[in-house]
Protein backbone atom coordinates (compact mmCIF):
# COMPACT_ATOMS: atom_id res chain seq x y z
CA MET A 1 0.00 0.00 0.00
CA THR A 2 1.42 3.39 -0.96
CA LYS A 3 1.43 6.31 1.49
CA LEU A 4 -1.35 7.97 -0.52
CA GLU A 5 -3.45 4.80 -0.39
CA GLU A 6 -2.85 4.55 3.35
CA VAL A 7 -3.91 8.20 3.82
CA GLU A 8 -7.09 7.56 1.83
CA HIS A 9 -7.78 4.37 3.80
CA LEU A 10 -7.36 6.14 7.15
CA LEU A 11 -9.56 9.05 6.05
CA ARG A 12 -12.26 6.67 4.81
CA ARG A 13 -12.23 4.82 8.15
CA SER A 14 -12.26 8.15 10.00
CA ARG A 15 -15.38 9.22 8.08
CA ARG A 16 -17.05 5.88 8.79
CA PHE A 17 -16.39 6.16 12.51
CA TYR A 18 -17.78 9.71 12.42
CA GLU A 19 -20.91 8.58 10.57
CA THR A 20 -21.26 5.70 13.04
CA ALA A 21 -21.05 8.19 15.92
CA VAL A 22 -23.81 10.32 14.38
CA MET A 23 -26.02 7.24 14.11
CA GLN A 24 -25.16 6.19 17.65
CA ILE A 25 -26.04 9.65 18.97
CA SER A 26 -29.41 9.50 17.22
CA ARG A 27 -30.09 6.12 18.84
CA GLY A 28 -28.99 7.28 22.31
CA PHE A 29 -25.87 5.08 22.37
CA HIS A 30 -23.79 7.87 23.87
CA ASP A 31 -20.99 5.74 25.31
CA LEU A 32 -20.38 4.10 21.94
CA ALA A 33 -20.67 7.45 20.15
CA VAL A 34 -17.86 8.91 22.26
CA PHE A 35 -15.65 5.93 21.42
CA SER A 36 -16.46 6.32 17.71
CA LEU A 37 -15.70 10.05 17.82
CA GLU A 38 -12.31 9.35 19.42
CA GLN A 39 -11.53 6.74 16.77
CA SER A 40 -12.60 9.10 14.00
CA LEU A 41 -10.32 11.85 15.29
CA GLN A 42 -7.39 9.51 15.93
CA LEU A 43 -7.53 8.10 12.37
CA PHE A 44 -7.89 11.60 10.90
CA LEU A 45 -4.81 12.81 12.79
CA GLU A 46 -2.81 9.75 11.74
CA ALA A 47 -3.77 10.40 8.10
CA SER A 48 -2.78 14.05 8.55
CA LEU A 49 0.66 13.07 9.80
CA LEU A 50 1.15 10.76 6.82
CA LYS A 51 0.17 13.63 4.52
CA LEU A 52 2.92 15.66 6.17
CA GLY A 53 5.38 12.84 5.45
CA VAL A 54 5.61 11.70 9.06
CA ASP A 55 5.07 8.13 10.15
CA PHE A 56 2.78 8.36 13.15
CA PRO A 57 3.70 6.66 16.42
CA ARG A 58 1.62 3.79 17.70
CA THR A 59 -0.26 5.78 20.31
CA HIS A 60 -3.87 6.21 21.29
CA SER A 61 -3.28 9.79 22.40
CA VAL A 62 -4.98 12.33 20.16
CA ARG A 63 -3.17 15.02 22.15
CA ARG A 64 0.21 13.48 21.33
CA LEU A 65 -0.72 13.24 17.64
CA LEU A 66 -1.68 16.92 17.69
CA GLU A 67 1.58 17.79 19.45
CA ILE A 68 3.52 16.06 16.67
CA ILE A 69 1.52 17.92 14.03
CA HIS A 70 2.42 21.15 15.82
CA GLU A 71 6.10 20.17 16.00
CA VAL A 72 6.16 19.41 12.26
CA THR A 73 4.16 22.43 11.07
CA GLY A 74 5.07 25.00 13.73
CA LYS A 75 1.54 26.39 13.33
CA ASP A 76 0.16 28.23 16.35
CA LYS A 77 -3.38 27.22 15.35
CA ILE A 78 -2.55 23.64 16.37
CA LYS A 79 -1.06 24.73 19.69
CA GLU A 80 -4.15 26.86 20.31
CA ILE A 81 -6.53 23.96 19.59
CA LEU A 82 -4.56 21.81 22.04
CA ARG A 83 -4.84 24.49 24.72
CA ARG A 84 -8.47 25.33 24.02
CA PHE A 85 -9.72 21.74 24.06
CA SER A 86 -7.25 20.05 26.42
CA ILE A 87 -9.96 18.79 28.78
CA GLU A 88 -12.21 17.47 26.03
CA LEU A 89 -9.31 15.81 24.19
CA GLY A 90 -8.19 14.16 27.43
CA ALA A 91 -11.72 12.93 28.05
CA LEU A 92 -11.85 11.49 24.53
CA GLU A 93 -8.60 9.63 25.22
CA ASP A 94 -10.10 8.30 28.45
CA ALA A 95 -13.16 7.14 26.51
CA TYR A 96 -10.92 4.93 24.40
CA ILE A 97 -9.98 2.94 27.53
CA THR A 98 -13.19 3.20 29.54
CA SER A 99 -15.34 2.01 26.63
CA ARG A 100 -13.75 -1.39 27.09
CA TYR A 101 -13.17 -1.74 30.79
CA VAL A 102 -15.23 0.73 32.84
CA ALA A 103 -18.96 1.33 32.98
CA ARG A 104 -19.23 5.02 32.06
CA ASP A 105 -22.34 6.74 30.84
CA TYR A 106 -22.40 9.96 28.85
CA ASN A 107 -25.36 12.24 28.37
CA ARG A 108 -26.41 13.78 25.07
CA GLU A 109 -24.92 17.18 25.95
CA GLU A 110 -21.51 15.64 26.64
CA VAL A 111 -21.44 13.67 23.41
CA GLU A 112 -22.63 16.66 21.38
CA ARG A 113 -19.80 18.72 22.89
CA PHE A 114 -17.28 16.02 21.96
CA LYS A 115 -18.71 15.96 18.45
CA ARG A 116 -18.26 19.73 18.08
CA VAL A 117 -14.68 19.49 19.39
CA VAL A 118 -13.83 16.69 16.94
CA GLU A 119 -15.29 18.70 14.07
CA GLU A 120 -13.35 21.81 15.06
CA VAL A 121 -10.05 19.98 15.50
CA MET A 122 -10.48 18.31 12.12
CA ARG A 123 -11.35 21.63 10.49
CA VAL A 124 -8.31 23.42 11.91
CA VAL A 125 -5.88 20.57 11.18
CA GLY A 126 -7.31 20.27 7.67
CA GLU A 127 -6.73 23.98 7.05
CA VAL A 128 -3.16 23.78 8.36
CA ILE A 129 -2.02 20.78 6.32
CA ASP A 130 -3.87 21.41 3.04
């Protein structure tokens, strides 16, 4: 698989996880929606790093992936998004683990907030790397 094919594959999976999250939100499956949103963002950031010519580390930390994007691009917009959404991004990372091992419920307002954060992070990163 070429780098371009891998980028396209990751972006396609990212979109599918996002669409799955939207469906899960509509059905009231908030815990699963948060997991899907985290996966969508993680795959998007990995694809973004590949676009920048950087092999991404095997990490489940969306904050670390954003830090690497900032290191590579030097763009303050990325640093600002990390600062602005540090709590939400940390909570998304936690959702990756808790979705498997801990009973954690989310309400609709929480998941809608996570959805908006994921959309904003993707928008800003997309603007920076394109």
